[in-house]
Amino acid sequence: MPELKTQPGNAHRPLVEFDDWAQLAQSDSAAFEAQRARVIEDLILGMPEHKRQRMRCLQWKIDQVRAQCKTPMAGCVKLTEMMWDSLVGPGGLKDTLERLGTTSPASLPKARIVKFPPVSCP
């Protein structure tokens, strides 16, 4: 059964072995979905606790979009559109970065900068 590779030793080795997952999807779709759910949950559990609920909500939304689409390719296209919207759509990352670039320094939040002593590494 395919597994999510977690060792970052080889930067060129994919985290997910596509051929293994494709084989499982074709041979046993229920096992594929169960393994997919386990890998996603493991990934969410590996995140900081304060981000987990948001990630579960996002995954729920992704699952709902996939369920409404008639084909896997249609789901892929719809999810790609969602990602692009979050990047360049209204209120997306691009808008946020542009707002930061035009905001006057006086209106940005103030913070006290704490100086840490240098650390020497062995």
PDB file of N, CA and C in Angstrom:
ATOM      1  N   MET A   1       0.851  -1.179   0.000  1.00  0.00           N
ATOM      2  CA  MET A   1       0.000   0.000   0.000  1.00  0.00           C
ATOM      3  C   MET A   1       0.895   1.240   0.000  1.00  0.00           C
ATOM      4  N   PRO A   2       0.562   2.296  -0.773  1.00  0.00           N
ATOM      5  CA  PRO A   2       1.408   3.478  -0.828  1.00  0.00           C
ATOM      6  C   PRO A   2       1.469   4.192   0.513  1.00  0.00           C
ATOM      7  N   GLU A   3       2.592   4.798   0.753  1.00  0.00           N
ATOM      8  CA  GLU A   3       2.774   5.560   1.979  1.00  0.00           C
ATOM      9  C   GLU A   3       3.308   6.933   1.637  1.00  0.00           C
ATOM     10  N   LEU A   4       3.111   7.856   2.543  1.00  0.00           N
ATOM     11  CA  LEU A   4       3.706   9.170   2.406  1.00  0.00           C
ATOM     12  C   LEU A   4       5.133   9.074   2.912  1.00  0.00           C
ATOM     13  N   LYS A   5       6.088   9.443   2.081  1.00  0.00           N
ATOM     14  CA  LYS A   5       7.489   9.405   2.475  1.00  0.00           C
ATOM     15  C   LYS A   5       7.770  10.638   3.327  1.00  0.00           C
ATOM     16  N   THR A   6       8.386  10.444   4.479  1.00  0.00           N
ATOM     17  CA  THR A   6       8.603  11.567   5.385  1.00  0.00           C
ATOM     18  C   THR A   6      10.068  11.932   5.553  1.00  0.00           C
ATOM     19  N   GLN A   7      10.973  11.153   4.985  1.00  0.00           N
ATOM     20  CA  GLN A   7      12.384  11.450   5.145  1.00  0.00           C
ATOM     21  C   GLN A   7      12.847  12.375   4.033  1.00  0.00           C
ATOM     22  N   PRO A   8      13.316  13.587   4.393  1.00  0.00           N
ATOM     23  CA  PRO A   8      13.717  14.550   3.375  1.00  0.00           C
ATOM     24  C   PRO A   8      15.134  14.318   2.855  1.00  0.00           C
ATOM     25  N   GLY A   9      15.693  13.133   2.999  1.00  0.00           N
ATOM     26  CA  GLY A   9      17.070  12.861   2.611  1.00  0.00           C
ATOM     27  C   GLY A   9      17.384  13.126   1.157  1.00  0.00           C
ATOM     28  N   ASN A  10      16.490  12.766   0.255  1.00  0.00           N
ATOM     29  CA  ASN A  10      16.730  12.960  -1.163  1.00  0.00           C
ATOM     30  C   ASN A  10      15.710  13.952  -1.692  1.00  0.00           C
ATOM     31  N   ALA A  11      16.174  15.157  -2.032  1.00  0.00           N
ATOM     32  CA  ALA A  11      15.272  16.218  -2.451  1.00  0.00           C
ATOM     33  C   ALA A  11      14.563  15.888  -3.767  1.00  0.00           C
ATOM     34  N   HIS A  12      15.106  14.967  -4.551  1.00  0.00           N
ATOM     35  CA  HIS A  12      14.510  14.638  -5.833  1.00  0.00           C
ATOM     36  C   HIS A  12      13.501  13.499  -5.738  1.00  0.00           C
ATOM     37  N   ARG A  13      13.386  12.876  -4.601  1.00  0.00           N
ATOM     38  CA  ARG A  13      12.441  11.772  -4.426  1.00  0.00           C
ATOM     39  C   ARG A  13      11.091  12.356  -4.021  1.00  0.00           C
ATOM     40  N   PRO A  14      10.026  12.033  -4.764  1.00  0.00           N
ATOM     41  CA  PRO A  14       8.717  12.601  -4.424  1.00  0.00           C
ATOM     42  C   PRO A  14       8.198  12.069  -3.096  1.00  0.00           C
ATOM     43  N   LEU A  15       7.391  12.890  -2.430  1.00  0.00           N
ATOM     44  CA  LEU A  15       6.779  12.469  -1.171  1.00  0.00           C
ATOM     45  C   LEU A  15       5.729  11.398  -1.408  1.00  0.00           C
ATOM     46  N   VAL A  16       5.094  11.432  -2.555  1.00  0.00           N
ATOM     47  CA  VAL A  16       4.072  10.450  -2.898  1.00  0.00           C
ATOM     48  C   VAL A  16       4.514   9.742  -4.174  1.00  0.00           C
ATOM     49  N   GLU A  17       4.551   8.436  -4.133  1.00  0.00           N
ATOM     50  CA  GLU A  17       4.903   7.652  -5.318  1.00  0.00           C
ATOM     51  C   GLU A  17       3.669   7.538  -6.196  1.00  0.00           C
ATOM     52  N   PHE A  18       3.617   8.323  -7.253  1.00  0.00           N
ATOM     53  CA  PHE A  18       2.435   8.417  -8.100  1.00  0.00           C
ATOM     54  C   PHE A  18       2.004   7.059  -8.648  1.00  0.00           C
ATOM     55  N   ASP A  19       2.944   6.301  -9.167  1.00  0.00           N
ATOM     56  CA  ASP A  19       2.592   5.016  -9.777  1.00  0.00           C
ATOM     57  C   ASP A  19       1.939   4.070  -8.772  1.00  0.00           C
ATOM     58  N   ASP A  20       2.458   4.046  -7.542  1.00  0.00           N
ATOM     59  CA  ASP A  20       1.870   3.188  -6.508  1.00  0.00           C
ATOM     60  C   ASP A  20       0.433   3.616  -6.197  1.00  0.00           C
ATOM     61  N   TRP A  21       0.228   4.919  -6.058  1.00  0.00           N
ATOM     62  CA  TRP A  21      -1.102   5.432  -5.752  1.00  0.00           C
ATOM     63  C   TRP A  21      -2.054   5.199  -6.917  1.00  0.00           C
ATOM     64  N   ALA A  22      -1.578   5.390  -8.148  1.00  0.00           N
ATOM     65  CA  ALA A  22      -2.426   5.168  -9.322  1.00  0.00           C
ATOM     66  C   ALA A  22      -2.845   3.704  -9.403  1.00  0.00           C
ATOM     67  N   GLN A  23      -1.915   2.813  -9.134  1.00  0.00           N
ATOM     68  CA  GLN A  23      -2.210   1.372  -9.147  1.00  0.00           C
ATOM     69  C   GLN A  23      -3.278   1.030  -8.108  1.00  0.00           C
ATOM     70  N   LEU A  24      -3.118   1.581  -6.901  1.00  0.00           N
ATOM     71  CA  LEU A  24      -4.093   1.317  -5.849  1.00  0.00           C
ATOM     72  C   LEU A  24      -5.461   1.888  -6.227  1.00  0.00           C
ATOM     73  N   ALA A  25      -5.493   3.081  -6.798  1.00  0.00           N
ATOM     74  CA  ALA A  25      -6.767   3.700  -7.187  1.00  0.00           C
ATOM     75  C   ALA A  25      -7.488   2.851  -8.217  1.00  0.00           C
ATOM     76  N   GLN A  26      -6.739   2.255  -9.132  1.00  0.00           N
ATOM     77  CA  GLN A  26      -7.364   1.427 -10.167  1.00  0.00           C
ATOM     78  C   GLN A  26      -7.795   0.066  -9.632  1.00  0.00           C
ATOM     79  N   SER A  27      -7.002  -0.495  -8.726  1.00  0.00           N
ATOM     80  CA  SER A  27      -7.294  -1.848  -8.260  1.00  0.00           C
ATOM     81  C   SER A  27      -8.267  -1.906  -7.082  1.00  0.00           C
ATOM     82  N   ASP A  28      -8.245  -0.880  -6.221  1.00  0.00           N
ATOM     83  CA  ASP A  28      -9.097  -0.909  -5.026  1.00  0.00           C
ATOM     84  C   ASP A  28      -9.391   0.530  -4.590  1.00  0.00           C
ATOM     85  N   SER A  29     -10.431   1.102  -5.171  1.00  0.00           N
ATOM     86  CA  SER A  29     -10.720   2.518  -4.912  1.00  0.00           C
ATOM     87  C   SER A  29     -11.044   2.788  -3.441  1.00  0.00           C
ATOM     88  N   ALA A  30     -11.678   1.834  -2.760  1.00  0.00           N
ATOM     89  CA  ALA A  30     -11.992   2.032  -1.336  1.00  0.00           C
ATOM     90  C   ALA A  30     -10.712   2.091  -0.507  1.00  0.00           C
ATOM     91  N   ALA A  31      -9.764   1.212  -0.800  1.00  0.00           N
ATOM     92  CA  ALA A  31      -8.483   1.228  -0.090  1.00  0.00           C
ATOM     93  C   ALA A  31      -7.718   2.511  -0.406  1.00  0.00           C
ATOM     94  N   PHE A  32      -7.801   2.961  -1.657  1.00  0.00           N
ATOM     95  CA  PHE A  32      -7.156   4.221  -2.041  1.00  0.00           C
ATOM     96  C   PHE A  32      -7.701   5.374  -1.213  1.00  0.00           C
ATOM     97  N   GLU A  33      -9.036   5.473  -1.138  1.00  0.00           N
ATOM     98  CA  GLU A  33      -9.654   6.569  -0.381  1.00  0.00           C
ATOM     99  C   GLU A  33      -9.313   6.484   1.107  1.00  0.00           C
ATOM    100  N   ALA A  34      -9.282   5.274   1.653  1.00  0.00           N
ATOM    101  CA  ALA A  34      -8.936   5.116   3.069  1.00  0.00           C
ATOM    102  C   ALA A  34      -7.488   5.546   3.316  1.00  0.00           C
ATOM    103  N   GLN A  35      -6.589   5.138   2.434  1.00  0.00           N
ATOM    104  CA  GLN A  35      -5.182   5.511   2.583  1.00  0.00           C
ATOM    105  C   GLN A  35      -5.008   7.018   2.389  1.00  0.00           C
ATOM    106  N   ARG A  36      -5.720   7.581   1.423  1.00  0.00           N
ATOM    107  CA  ARG A  36      -5.653   9.023   1.184  1.00  0.00           C
ATOM    108  C   ARG A  36      -6.100   9.781   2.437  1.00  0.00           C
ATOM    109  N   ALA A  37      -7.187   9.338   3.049  1.00  0.00           N
ATOM    110  CA  ALA A  37      -7.689   9.987   4.264  1.00  0.00           C
ATOM    111  C   ALA A  37      -6.674   9.877   5.398  1.00  0.00           C
ATOM    112  N   ARG A  38      -6.019   8.701   5.522  1.00  0.00           N
ATOM    113  CA  ARG A  38      -5.005   8.519   6.577  1.00  0.00           C
ATOM    114  C   ARG A  38      -3.812   9.441   6.363  1.00  0.00           C
ATOM    115  N   VAL A  39      -3.356   9.542   5.132  1.00  0.00           N
ATOM    116  CA  VAL A  39      -2.189  10.387   4.839  1.00  0.00           C
ATOM    117  C   VAL A  39      -2.518  11.855   5.098  1.00  0.00           C
ATOM    118  N   ILE A  40      -3.717  12.276   4.696  1.00  0.00           N
ATOM    119  CA  ILE A  40      -4.124  13.669   4.934  1.00  0.00           C
ATOM    120  C   ILE A  40      -4.215  13.942   6.431  1.00  0.00           C
ATOM    121  N   GLU A  41      -4.804  13.030   7.177  1.00  0.00           N
ATOM    122  CA  GLU A  41      -4.923  13.219   8.628  1.00  0.00           C
ATOM    123  C   GLU A  41      -3.542  13.256   9.283  1.00  0.00           C
ATOM    124  N   ASP A  42      -2.640  12.387   8.855  1.00  0.00           N
ATOM    125  CA  ASP A  42      -1.270  12.409   9.394  1.00  0.00           C
ATOM    126  C   ASP A  42      -0.596  13.748   9.115  1.00  0.00           C
ATOM    127  N   LEU A  43      -0.815  14.273   7.914  1.00  0.00           N
ATOM    128  CA  LEU A  43      -0.232  15.568   7.556  1.00  0.00           C
ATOM    129  C   LEU A  43      -0.801  16.674   8.444  1.00  0.00           C
ATOM    130  N   ILE A  44      -2.103  16.653   8.657  1.00  0.00           N
ATOM    131  CA  ILE A  44      -2.734  17.659   9.515  1.00  0.00           C
ATOM    132  C   ILE A  44      -2.228  17.536  10.952  1.00  0.00           C
ATOM    133  N   LEU A  45      -2.106  16.305  11.446  1.00  0.00           N
ATOM    134  CA  LEU A  45      -1.610  16.111  12.813  1.00  0.00           C
ATOM    135  C   LEU A  45      -0.161  16.562  12.976  1.00  0.00           C
ATOM    136  N   GLY A  46       0.583  16.612  11.889  1.00  0.00           N
ATOM    137  CA  GLY A  46       1.962  17.080  11.934  1.00  0.00           C
ATOM    138  C   GLY A  46       2.084  18.596  11.942  1.00  0.00           C
ATOM    139  N   MET A  47       0.970  19.288  11.795  1.00  0.00           N
ATOM    140  CA  MET A  47       0.967  20.755  11.792  1.00  0.00           C
ATOM    141  C   MET A  47       0.820  21.279  13.215  1.00  0.00           C
ATOM    142  N   PRO A  48       1.196  22.536  13.419  1.00  0.00           N
ATOM    143  CA  PRO A  48       0.967  23.134  14.744  1.00  0.00           C
ATOM    144  C   PRO A  48      -0.521  23.075  15.092  1.00  0.00           C
ATOM    145  N   GLU A  49      -0.809  22.850  16.346  1.00  0.00           N
ATOM    146  CA  GLU A  49      -2.189  22.643  16.786  1.00  0.00           C
ATOM    147  C   GLU A  49      -3.118  23.787  16.388  1.00  0.00           C
ATOM    148  N   HIS A  50      -2.630  25.020  16.431  1.00  0.00           N
ATOM    149  CA  HIS A  50      -3.493  26.159  16.127  1.00  0.00           C
ATOM    150  C   HIS A  50      -3.897  26.224  14.645  1.00  0.00           C
ATOM    151  N   LYS A  51      -3.266  25.441  13.772  1.00  0.00           N
ATOM    152  CA  LYS A  51      -3.615  25.433  12.348  1.00  0.00           C
ATOM    153  C   LYS A  51      -4.484  24.240  11.951  1.00  0.00           C
ATOM    154  N   ARG A  52      -4.614  23.272  12.827  1.00  0.00           N
ATOM    155  CA  ARG A  52      -5.283  22.020  12.460  1.00  0.00           C
ATOM    156  C   ARG A  52      -6.749  22.193  12.099  1.00  0.00           C
ATOM    157  N   GLN A  53      -7.493  22.956  12.873  1.00  0.00           N
ATOM    158  CA  GLN A  53      -8.927  23.125  12.588  1.00  0.00           C
ATOM    159  C   GLN A  53      -9.127  23.779  11.232  1.00  0.00           C
ATOM    160  N   ARG A  54      -8.330  24.779  10.932  1.00  0.00           N
ATOM    161  CA  ARG A  54      -8.457  25.440   9.628  1.00  0.00           C
ATOM    162  C   ARG A  54      -8.142  24.466   8.493  1.00  0.00           C
ATOM    163  N   MET A  55      -7.133  23.633   8.684  1.00  0.00           N
ATOM    164  CA  MET A  55      -6.775  22.661   7.652  1.00  0.00           C
ATOM    165  C   MET A  55      -7.862  21.600   7.481  1.00  0.00           C
ATOM    166  N   ARG A  56      -8.488  21.195   8.580  1.00  0.00           N
ATOM    167  CA  ARG A  56      -9.591  20.233   8.474  1.00  0.00           C
ATOM    168  C   ARG A  56     -10.777  20.856   7.733  1.00  0.00           C
ATOM    169  N   CYS A  57     -11.033  22.119   7.979  1.00  0.00           N
ATOM    170  CA  CYS A  57     -12.118  22.807   7.268  1.00  0.00           C
ATOM    171  C   CYS A  57     -11.784  22.923   5.779  1.00  0.00           C
ATOM    172  N   LEU A  58     -10.553  23.252   5.469  1.00  0.00           N
ATOM    173  CA  LEU A  58     -10.141  23.331   4.066  1.00  0.00           C
ATOM    174  C   LEU A  58     -10.251  21.963   3.400  1.00  0.00           C
ATOM    175  N   GLN A  59      -9.834  20.908   4.094  1.00  0.00           N
ATOM    176  CA  GLN A  59      -9.936  19.570   3.515  1.00  0.00           C
ATOM    177  C   GLN A  59     -11.393  19.175   3.318  1.00  0.00           C
ATOM    178  N   TRP A  60     -12.258  19.569   4.253  1.00  0.00           N
ATOM    179  CA  TRP A  60     -13.681  19.295   4.088  1.00  0.00           C
ATOM    180  C   TRP A  60     -14.202  19.969   2.820  1.00  0.00           C
ATOM    181  N   LYS A  61     -13.809  21.216   2.608  1.00  0.00           N
ATOM    182  CA  LYS A  61     -14.233  21.947   1.412  1.00  0.00           C
ATOM    183  C   LYS A  61     -13.723  21.259   0.149  1.00  0.00           C
ATOM    184  N   ILE A  62     -12.464  20.829   0.158  1.00  0.00           N
ATOM    185  CA  ILE A  62     -11.893  20.115  -0.984  1.00  0.00           C
ATOM    186  C   ILE A  62     -12.676  18.836  -1.251  1.00  0.00           C
ATOM    187  N   ASP A  63     -12.975  18.098  -0.202  1.00  0.00           N
ATOM    188  CA  ASP A  63     -13.730  16.847  -0.358  1.00  0.00           C
ATOM    189  C   ASP A  63     -15.124  17.103  -0.926  1.00  0.00           C
ATOM    190  N   GLN A  64     -15.771  18.194  -0.509  1.00  0.00           N
ATOM    191  CA  GLN A  64     -17.100  18.524  -1.026  1.00  0.00           C
ATOM    192  C   GLN A  64     -17.038  18.867  -2.514  1.00  0.00           C
ATOM    193  N   VAL A  65     -16.023  19.619  -2.913  1.00  0.00           N
ATOM    194  CA  VAL A  65     -15.860  19.960  -4.329  1.00  0.00           C
ATOM    195  C   VAL A  65     -15.633  18.688  -5.141  1.00  0.00           C
ATOM    196  N   ARG A  66     -14.764  17.819  -4.655  1.00  0.00           N
ATOM    197  CA  ARG A  66     -14.491  16.559  -5.365  1.00  0.00           C
ATOM    198  C   ARG A  66     -15.758  15.726  -5.503  1.00  0.00           C
ATOM    199  N   ALA A  67     -16.571  15.681  -4.445  1.00  0.00           N
ATOM    200  CA  ALA A  67     -17.790  14.871  -4.464  1.00  0.00           C
ATOM    201  C   ALA A  67     -18.821  15.410  -5.453  1.00  0.00           C
ATOM    202  N   GLN A  68     -18.838  16.721  -5.677  1.00  0.00           N
ATOM    203  CA  GLN A  68     -19.811  17.320  -6.580  1.00  0.00           C
ATOM    204  C   GLN A  68     -19.413  17.205  -8.048  1.00  0.00           C
ATOM    205  N   CYS A  69     -18.148  16.932  -8.310  1.00  0.00           N
ATOM    206  CA  CYS A  69     -17.674  16.850  -9.689  1.00  0.00           C
ATOM    207  C   CYS A  69     -17.929  15.463 -10.260  1.00  0.00           C
ATOM    208  N   LYS A  70     -18.263  15.418 -11.541  1.00  0.00           N
ATOM    209  CA  LYS A  70     -18.619  14.148 -12.177  1.00  0.00           C
ATOM    210  C   LYS A  70     -17.405  13.282 -12.475  1.00  0.00           C
ATOM    211  N   THR A  71     -16.243  13.898 -12.669  1.00  0.00           N
ATOM    212  CA  THR A  71     -15.037  13.123 -12.975  1.00  0.00           C
ATOM    213  C   THR A  71     -13.880  13.640 -12.131  1.00  0.00           C
ATOM    214  N   PRO A  72     -12.859  12.819 -11.907  1.00  0.00           N
ATOM    215  CA  PRO A  72     -11.678  13.299 -11.187  1.00  0.00           C
ATOM    216  C   PRO A  72     -11.027  14.507 -11.873  1.00  0.00           C
ATOM    217  N   MET A  73     -11.020  14.519 -13.211  1.00  0.00           N
ATOM    218  CA  MET A  73     -10.418  15.649 -13.923  1.00  0.00           C
ATOM    219  C   MET A  73     -11.208  16.934 -13.685  1.00  0.00           C
ATOM    220  N   ALA A  74     -12.528  16.829 -13.657  1.00  0.00           N
ATOM    221  CA  ALA A  74     -13.352  18.007 -13.372  1.00  0.00           C
ATOM    222  C   ALA A  74     -13.053  18.523 -11.965  1.00  0.00           C
ATOM    223  N   GLY A  75     -12.869  17.611 -11.017  1.00  0.00           N
ATOM    224  CA  GLY A  75     -12.508  18.012  -9.654  1.00  0.00           C
ATOM    225  C   GLY A  75     -11.156  18.697  -9.617  1.00  0.00           C
ATOM    226  N   CYS A  76     -10.210  18.159 -10.371  1.00  0.00           N
ATOM    227  CA  CYS A  76      -8.876  18.751 -10.422  1.00  0.00           C
ATOM    228  C   CYS A  76      -8.932  20.177 -10.988  1.00  0.00           C
ATOM    229  N   VAL A  77      -9.711  20.363 -12.045  1.00  0.00           N
ATOM    230  CA  VAL A  77      -9.850  21.695 -12.653  1.00  0.00           C
ATOM    231  C   VAL A  77     -10.491  22.655 -11.658  1.00  0.00           C
ATOM    232  N   LYS A  78     -11.545  22.224 -10.995  1.00  0.00           N
ATOM    233  CA  LYS A  78     -12.236  23.091 -10.033  1.00  0.00           C
ATOM    234  C   LYS A  78     -11.324  23.474  -8.869  1.00  0.00           C
ATOM    235  N   LEU A  79     -10.568  22.498  -8.350  1.00  0.00           N
ATOM    236  CA  LEU A  79      -9.652  22.790  -7.238  1.00  0.00           C
ATOM    237  C   LEU A  79      -8.523  23.715  -7.688  1.00  0.00           C
ATOM    238  N   THR A  80      -8.069  23.564  -8.923  1.00  0.00           N
ATOM    239  CA  THR A  80      -7.044  24.462  -9.456  1.00  0.00           C
ATOM    240  C   THR A  80      -7.589  25.885  -9.539  1.00  0.00           C
ATOM    241  N   GLU A  81      -8.831  26.029  -9.976  1.00  0.00           N
ATOM    242  CA  GLU A  81      -9.461  27.352 -10.018  1.00  0.00           C
ATOM    243  C   GLU A  81      -9.534  27.963  -8.619  1.00  0.00           C
ATOM    244  N   MET A  82      -9.875  27.140  -7.636  1.00  0.00           N
ATOM    245  CA  MET A  82      -9.944  27.633  -6.250  1.00  0.00           C
ATOM    246  C   MET A  82      -8.583  28.129  -5.779  1.00  0.00           C
ATOM    247  N   MET A  83      -7.537  27.379  -6.116  1.00  0.00           N
ATOM    248  CA  MET A  83      -6.192  27.801  -5.701  1.00  0.00           C
ATOM    249  C   MET A  83      -5.801  29.119  -6.359  1.00  0.00           C
ATOM    250  N   TRP A  84      -6.095  29.255  -7.656  1.00  0.00           N
ATOM    251  CA  TRP A  84      -5.773  30.501  -8.337  1.00  0.00           C
ATOM    252  C   TRP A  84      -6.557  31.663  -7.739  1.00  0.00           C
ATOM    253  N   ASP A  85      -7.822  31.436  -7.401  1.00  0.00           N
ATOM    254  CA  ASP A  85      -8.622  32.492  -6.778  1.00  0.00           C
ATOM    255  C   ASP A  85      -8.014  32.932  -5.452  1.00  0.00           C
ATOM    256  N   SER A  86      -7.501  31.987  -4.677  1.00  0.00           N
ATOM    257  CA  SER A  86      -6.911  32.353  -3.386  1.00  0.00           C
ATOM    258  C   SER A  86      -5.599  33.103  -3.575  1.00  0.00           C
ATOM    259  N   LEU A  87      -5.005  32.960  -4.739  1.00  0.00           N
ATOM    260  CA  LEU A  87      -3.757  33.671  -5.015  1.00  0.00           C
ATOM    261  C   LEU A  87      -4.019  35.040  -5.630  1.00  0.00           C
ATOM    262  N   VAL A  88      -4.823  35.094  -6.702  1.00  0.00           N
ATOM    263  CA  VAL A  88      -4.982  36.346  -7.433  1.00  0.00           C
ATOM    264  C   VAL A  88      -6.388  36.925  -7.356  1.00  0.00           C
ATOM    265  N   GLY A  89      -7.317  36.238  -6.716  1.00  0.00           N
ATOM    266  CA  GLY A  89      -8.690  36.740  -6.611  1.00  0.00           C
ATOM    267  C   GLY A  89      -8.808  37.830  -5.561  1.00  0.00           C
ATOM    268  N   PRO A  90     -10.004  38.404  -5.439  1.00  0.00           N
ATOM    269  CA  PRO A  90     -10.226  39.450  -4.435  1.00  0.00           C
ATOM    270  C   PRO A  90      -9.893  38.944  -3.031  1.00  0.00           C
ATOM    271  N   GLY A  91      -9.095  39.693  -2.310  1.00  0.00           N
ATOM    272  CA  GLY A  91      -8.693  39.309  -0.960  1.00  0.00           C
ATOM    273  C   GLY A  91      -7.654  38.204  -0.932  1.00  0.00           C
ATOM    274  N   GLY A  92      -7.124  37.847  -2.084  1.00  0.00           N
ATOM    275  CA  GLY A  92      -6.124  36.789  -2.163  1.00  0.00           C
ATOM    276  C   GLY A  92      -4.737  37.269  -1.761  1.00  0.00           C
ATOM    277  N   LEU A  93      -3.788  36.396  -1.908  1.00  0.00           N
ATOM    278  CA  LEU A  93      -2.409  36.705  -1.519  1.00  0.00           C
ATOM    279  C   LEU A  93      -1.869  37.920  -2.264  1.00  0.00           C
ATOM    280  N   LYS A  94      -2.124  38.000  -3.559  1.00  0.00           N
ATOM    281  CA  LYS A  94      -1.631  39.128  -4.353  1.00  0.00           C
ATOM    282  C   LYS A  94      -2.173  40.446  -3.815  1.00  0.00           C
ATOM    283  N   ASP A  95      -3.482  40.512  -3.561  1.00  0.00           N
ATOM    284  CA  ASP A  95      -4.080  41.730  -2.994  1.00  0.00           C
ATOM    285  C   ASP A  95      -3.452  42.081  -1.650  1.00  0.00           C
ATOM    286  N   THR A  96      -3.264  41.088  -0.830  1.00  0.00           N
ATOM    287  CA  THR A  96      -2.690  41.314   0.502  1.00  0.00           C
ATOM    288  C   THR A  96      -1.280  41.879   0.398  1.00  0.00           C
ATOM    289  N   LEU A  97      -0.471  41.290  -0.466  1.00  0.00           N
ATOM    290  CA  LEU A  97       0.901  41.781  -0.635  1.00  0.00           C
ATOM    291  C   LEU A  97       0.927  43.190  -1.219  1.00  0.00           C
ATOM    292  N   GLU A  98       0.037  43.468  -2.147  1.00  0.00           N
ATOM    293  CA  GLU A  98      -0.027  44.814  -2.722  1.00  0.00           C
ATOM    294  C   GLU A  98      -0.448  45.840  -1.679  1.00  0.00           C
ATOM    295  N   ARG A  99      -1.407  45.458  -0.811  1.00  0.00           N
ATOM    296  CA  ARG A  99      -1.832  46.367   0.265  1.00  0.00           C
ATOM    297  C   ARG A  99      -0.679  46.663   1.205  1.00  0.00           C
ATOM    298  N   LEU A 100       0.119  45.637   1.512  1.00  0.00           N
ATOM    299  CA  LEU A 100       1.270  45.855   2.387  1.00  0.00           C
ATOM    300  C   LEU A 100       2.259  46.816   1.748  1.00  0.00           C
ATOM    301  N   GLY A 101       2.409  46.729   0.427  1.00  0.00           N
ATOM    302  CA  GLY A 101       3.348  47.604  -0.284  1.00  0.00           C
ATOM    303  C   GLY A 101       2.893  49.041  -0.352  1.00  0.00           C
ATOM    304  N   THR A 102       1.586  49.295  -0.239  1.00  0.00           N
ATOM    305  CA  THR A 102       1.083  50.662  -0.333  1.00  0.00           C
ATOM    306  C   THR A 102       0.719  51.254   1.024  1.00  0.00           C
ATOM    307  N   THR A 103       0.747  50.441   2.055  1.00  0.00           N
ATOM    308  CA  THR A 103       0.411  50.915   3.392  1.00  0.00           C
ATOM    309  C   THR A 103       1.565  51.757   3.920  1.00  0.00           C
ATOM    310  N   SER A 104       1.231  52.906   4.483  1.00  0.00           N
ATOM    311  CA  SER A 104       2.297  53.757   5.021  1.00  0.00           C
ATOM    312  C   SER A 104       2.898  53.122   6.268  1.00  0.00           C
ATOM    313  N   PRO A 105       4.198  53.273   6.455  1.00  0.00           N
ATOM    314  CA  PRO A 105       4.844  52.670   7.630  1.00  0.00           C
ATOM    315  C   PRO A 105       4.212  53.102   8.951  1.00  0.00           C
ATOM    316  N   ALA A 106       3.637  54.298   8.994  1.00  0.00           N
ATOM    317  CA  ALA A 106       3.030  54.788  10.236  1.00  0.00           C
ATOM    318  C   ALA A 106       1.802  53.959  10.625  1.00  0.00           C
ATOM    319  N   SER A 107       1.121  53.360   9.636  1.00  0.00           N
ATOM    320  CA  SER A 107      -0.094  52.613   9.961  1.00  0.00           C
ATOM    321  C   SER A 107       0.178  51.132  10.247  1.00  0.00           C
ATOM    322  N   LEU A 108       1.416  50.699  10.081  1.00  0.00           N
ATOM    323  CA  LEU A 108       1.754  49.310  10.374  1.00  0.00           C
ATOM    324  C   LEU A 108       1.870  49.107  11.877  1.00  0.00           C
ATOM    325  N   PRO A 109       1.593  47.914  12.372  1.00  0.00           N
ATOM    326  CA  PRO A 109       1.704  47.671  13.814  1.00  0.00           C
ATOM    327  C   PRO A 109       3.147  47.851  14.293  1.00  0.00           C
ATOM    328  N   LYS A 110       3.274  48.295  15.511  1.00  0.00           N
ATOM    329  CA  LYS A 110       4.598  48.506  16.118  1.00  0.00           C
ATOM    330  C   LYS A 110       4.950  47.302  16.977  1.00  0.00           C
ATOM    331  N   ALA A 111       6.228  47.005  17.048  1.00  0.00           N
ATOM    332  CA  ALA A 111       6.691  45.905  17.883  1.00  0.00           C
ATOM    333  C   ALA A 111       8.060  46.255  18.439  1.00  0.00           C
ATOM    334  N   ARG A 112       8.329  45.778  19.632  1.00  0.00           N
ATOM    335  CA  ARG A 112       9.634  45.977  20.246  1.00  0.00           C
ATOM    336  C   ARG A 112      10.548  44.880  19.720  1.00  0.00           C
ATOM    337  N   ILE A 113      11.708  45.254  19.253  1.00  0.00           N
ATOM    338  CA  ILE A 113      12.663  44.290  18.723  1.00  0.00           C
ATOM    339  C   ILE A 113      13.563  43.827  19.861  1.00  0.00           C
ATOM    340  N   VAL A 114      13.628  42.531  20.031  1.00  0.00           N
ATOM    341  CA  VAL A 114      14.424  41.943  21.100  1.00  0.00           C
ATOM    342  C   VAL A 114      15.716  41.419  20.493  1.00  0.00           C
ATOM    343  N   LYS A 115      16.829  41.816  21.082  1.00  0.00           N
ATOM    344  CA  LYS A 115      18.113  41.360  20.570  1.00  0.00           C
ATOM    345  C   LYS A 115      18.525  40.086  21.307  1.00  0.00           C
ATOM    346  N   PHE A 116      18.858  39.063  20.540  1.00  0.00           N
ATOM    347  CA  PHE A 116      19.319  37.807  21.103  1.00  0.00           C
ATOM    348  C   PHE A 116      20.833  37.738  20.989  1.00  0.00           C
ATOM    349  N   PRO A 117      21.495  37.134  21.977  1.00  0.00           N
ATOM    350  CA  PRO A 117      22.938  37.005  21.873  1.00  0.00           C
ATOM    351  C   PRO A 117      23.288  36.010  20.757  1.00  0.00           C
ATOM    352  N   PRO A 118      24.445  36.201  20.124  1.00  0.00           N
ATOM    353  CA  PRO A 118      24.842  35.288  19.060  1.00  0.00           C
ATOM    354  C   PRO A 118      25.012  33.866  19.615  1.00  0.00           C
ATOM    355  N   VAL A 119      24.713  32.891  18.775  1.00  0.00           N
ATOM    356  CA  VAL A 119      24.834  31.491  19.137  1.00  0.00           C
ATOM    357  C   VAL A 119      25.915  30.880  18.275  1.00  0.00           C
ATOM    358  N   SER A 120      26.828  30.177  18.909  1.00  0.00           N
ATOM    359  CA  SER A 120      27.860  29.496  18.113  1.00  0.00           C
ATOM    360  C   SER A 120      27.468  28.045  17.968  1.00  0.00           C
ATOM    361  N   CYS A 121      27.573  27.555  16.750  1.00  0.00           N
ATOM    362  CA  CYS A 121      27.239  26.169  16.461  1.00  0.00           C
ATOM    363  C   CYS A 121      28.518  25.335  16.408  1.00  0.00           C
ATOM    364  N   PRO A 122      28.470  24.145  16.971  1.00  0.00           N
ATOM    365  CA  PRO A 122      29.679  23.311  16.959  1.00  0.00           C
ATOM    366  C   PRO A 122      30.004  22.820  15.567  1.00  0.00           C
TER     367      PRO A 122
END
